[in-house]
């Protein structure tokens, strides 16, 4: 990644932080809401979804948890 791209990411992150008063709790809530919206739209895959899918498939083959 070029210095320009890194600077642009930092600029955008700072802008988002400023929109939430640089308050860590408000910022975390913003990203949590955004994550939920992205999950609900179904357009994106998340790393934990793949892990959960593998665990579910494994549990189906072994009879589930604690079996």
C-alpha atoms as a PDB file:
ATOM      1  CA  UNK A   1       0.000   0.000   0.000  1.00  0.00           C
ATOM      2  CA  UNK A   2       1.343   3.407  -0.892  1.00  0.00           C
ATOM      3  CA  UNK A   3       1.860   6.242   1.559  1.00  0.00           C
ATOM      4  CA  UNK A   4      -1.045   8.057  -0.099  1.00  0.00           C
ATOM      5  CA  UNK A   5      -3.421   5.145   0.599  1.00  0.00           C
ATOM      6  CA  UNK A   6      -2.276   4.848   4.206  1.00  0.00           C
ATOM      7  CA  UNK A   7      -2.689   8.592   4.714  1.00  0.00           C
ATOM      8  CA  UNK A   8      -6.183   8.407   3.196  1.00  0.00           C
ATOM      9  CA  UNK A   9      -7.212   5.570   5.534  1.00  0.00           C
ATOM     10  CA  UNK A  10      -5.882   7.532   8.510  1.00  0.00           C
ATOM     11  CA  UNK A  11      -7.703  10.682   7.379  1.00  0.00           C
ATOM     12  CA  UNK A  12     -11.006   8.826   7.072  1.00  0.00           C
ATOM     13  CA  UNK A  13     -10.544   7.097  10.442  1.00  0.00           C
ATOM     14  CA  UNK A  14      -9.838  10.465  12.076  1.00  0.00           C
ATOM     15  CA  UNK A  15     -12.908  11.966  10.388  1.00  0.00           C
ATOM     16  CA  UNK A  16     -15.136   9.153  11.691  1.00  0.00           C
ATOM     17  CA  UNK A  17     -13.633   9.536  15.158  1.00  0.00           C
ATOM     18  CA  UNK A  18     -14.262  13.288  15.096  1.00  0.00           C
ATOM     19  CA  UNK A  19     -17.900  12.687  14.094  1.00  0.00           C
ATOM     20  CA  UNK A  20     -18.263  10.774  17.367  1.00  0.00           C
ATOM     21  CA  UNK A  21     -16.429  13.320  19.505  1.00  0.00           C
ATOM     22  CA  UNK A  22     -13.335  11.085  19.752  1.00  0.00           C
ATOM     23  CA  UNK A  23     -15.343   9.127  22.353  1.00  0.00           C
ATOM     24  CA  UNK A  24     -14.205   5.502  22.319  1.00  0.00           C
ATOM     25  CA  UNK A  25     -17.556   4.139  23.492  1.00  0.00           C
ATOM     26  CA  UNK A  26     -19.487   6.068  20.831  1.00  0.00           C
ATOM     27  CA  UNK A  27     -16.982   5.016  18.195  1.00  0.00           C
ATOM     28  CA  UNK A  28     -17.212   1.343  19.203  1.00  0.00           C
ATOM     29  CA  UNK A  29     -21.007   1.557  19.090  1.00  0.00           C
ATOM     30  CA  UNK A  30     -20.817   3.108  15.612  1.00  0.00           C
ATOM     31  CA  UNK A  31     -18.646   0.251  14.320  1.00  0.00           C
ATOM     32  CA  UNK A  32     -20.839  -2.362  16.024  1.00  0.00           C
ATOM     33  CA  UNK A  33     -23.956  -0.949  14.318  1.00  0.00           C
ATOM     34  CA  UNK A  34     -22.116  -0.781  11.001  1.00  0.00           C
ATOM     35  CA  UNK A  35     -20.980  -4.394  11.363  1.00  0.00           C
ATOM     36  CA  UNK A  36     -24.548  -5.543  12.053  1.00  0.00           C
ATOM     37  CA  UNK A  37     -25.836  -3.662   9.001  1.00  0.00           C
ATOM     38  CA  UNK A  38     -23.169  -5.233   6.789  1.00  0.00           C
ATOM     39  CA  UNK A  39     -23.918  -8.711   8.156  1.00  0.00           C
ATOM     40  CA  UNK A  40     -27.656  -8.266   7.558  1.00  0.00           C
ATOM     41  CA  UNK A  41     -27.267  -7.161   3.945  1.00  0.00           C
ATOM     42  CA  UNK A  42     -25.644 -10.529   3.143  1.00  0.00           C
ATOM     43  CA  UNK A  43     -23.255  -9.024   0.622  1.00  0.00           C
ATOM     44  CA  UNK A  44     -20.141  -9.646   2.729  1.00  0.00           C
ATOM     45  CA  UNK A  45     -18.595 -12.665   4.463  1.00  0.00           C
ATOM     46  CA  UNK A  46     -17.016 -12.352   7.886  1.00  0.00           C
ATOM     47  CA  UNK A  47     -14.166 -14.470   9.208  1.00  0.00           C
ATOM     48  CA  UNK A  48     -16.199 -15.700  12.190  1.00  0.00           C
ATOM     49  CA  UNK A  49     -18.963 -16.848   9.831  1.00  0.00           C
ATOM     50  CA  UNK A  50     -16.541 -19.249   8.170  1.00  0.00           C
ATOM     51  CA  UNK A  51     -15.370 -20.504  11.558  1.00  0.00           C
ATOM     52  CA  UNK A  52     -18.958 -20.942  12.755  1.00  0.00           C
ATOM     53  CA  UNK A  53     -19.907 -22.743   9.526  1.00  0.00           C
ATOM     54  CA  UNK A  54     -17.004 -25.165   9.958  1.00  0.00           C
ATOM     55  CA  UNK A  55     -17.898 -25.759  13.621  1.00  0.00           C
ATOM     56  CA  UNK A  56     -21.540 -26.400  12.722  1.00  0.00           C
ATOM     57  CA  UNK A  57     -20.564 -28.874  10.026  1.00  0.00           C
ATOM     58  CA  UNK A  58     -18.162 -30.596  12.431  1.00  0.00           C
ATOM     59  CA  UNK A  59     -20.822 -30.827  15.136  1.00  0.00           C
ATOM     60  CA  UNK A  60     -23.296 -32.348  12.686  1.00  0.00           C
ATOM     61  CA  UNK A  61     -20.790 -35.091  11.855  1.00  0.00           C
ATOM     62  CA  UNK A  62     -19.929 -35.789  15.496  1.00  0.00           C
ATOM     63  CA  UNK A  63     -23.399 -35.477  16.937  1.00  0.00           C
ATOM     64  CA  UNK A  64     -23.040 -31.961  18.335  1.00  0.00           C
ATOM     65  CA  UNK A  65     -21.505 -30.530  21.493  1.00  0.00           C
ATOM     66  CA  UNK A  66     -20.754 -32.861  24.347  1.00  0.00           C
ATOM     67  CA  UNK A  67     -21.674 -36.023  22.447  1.00  0.00           C
END
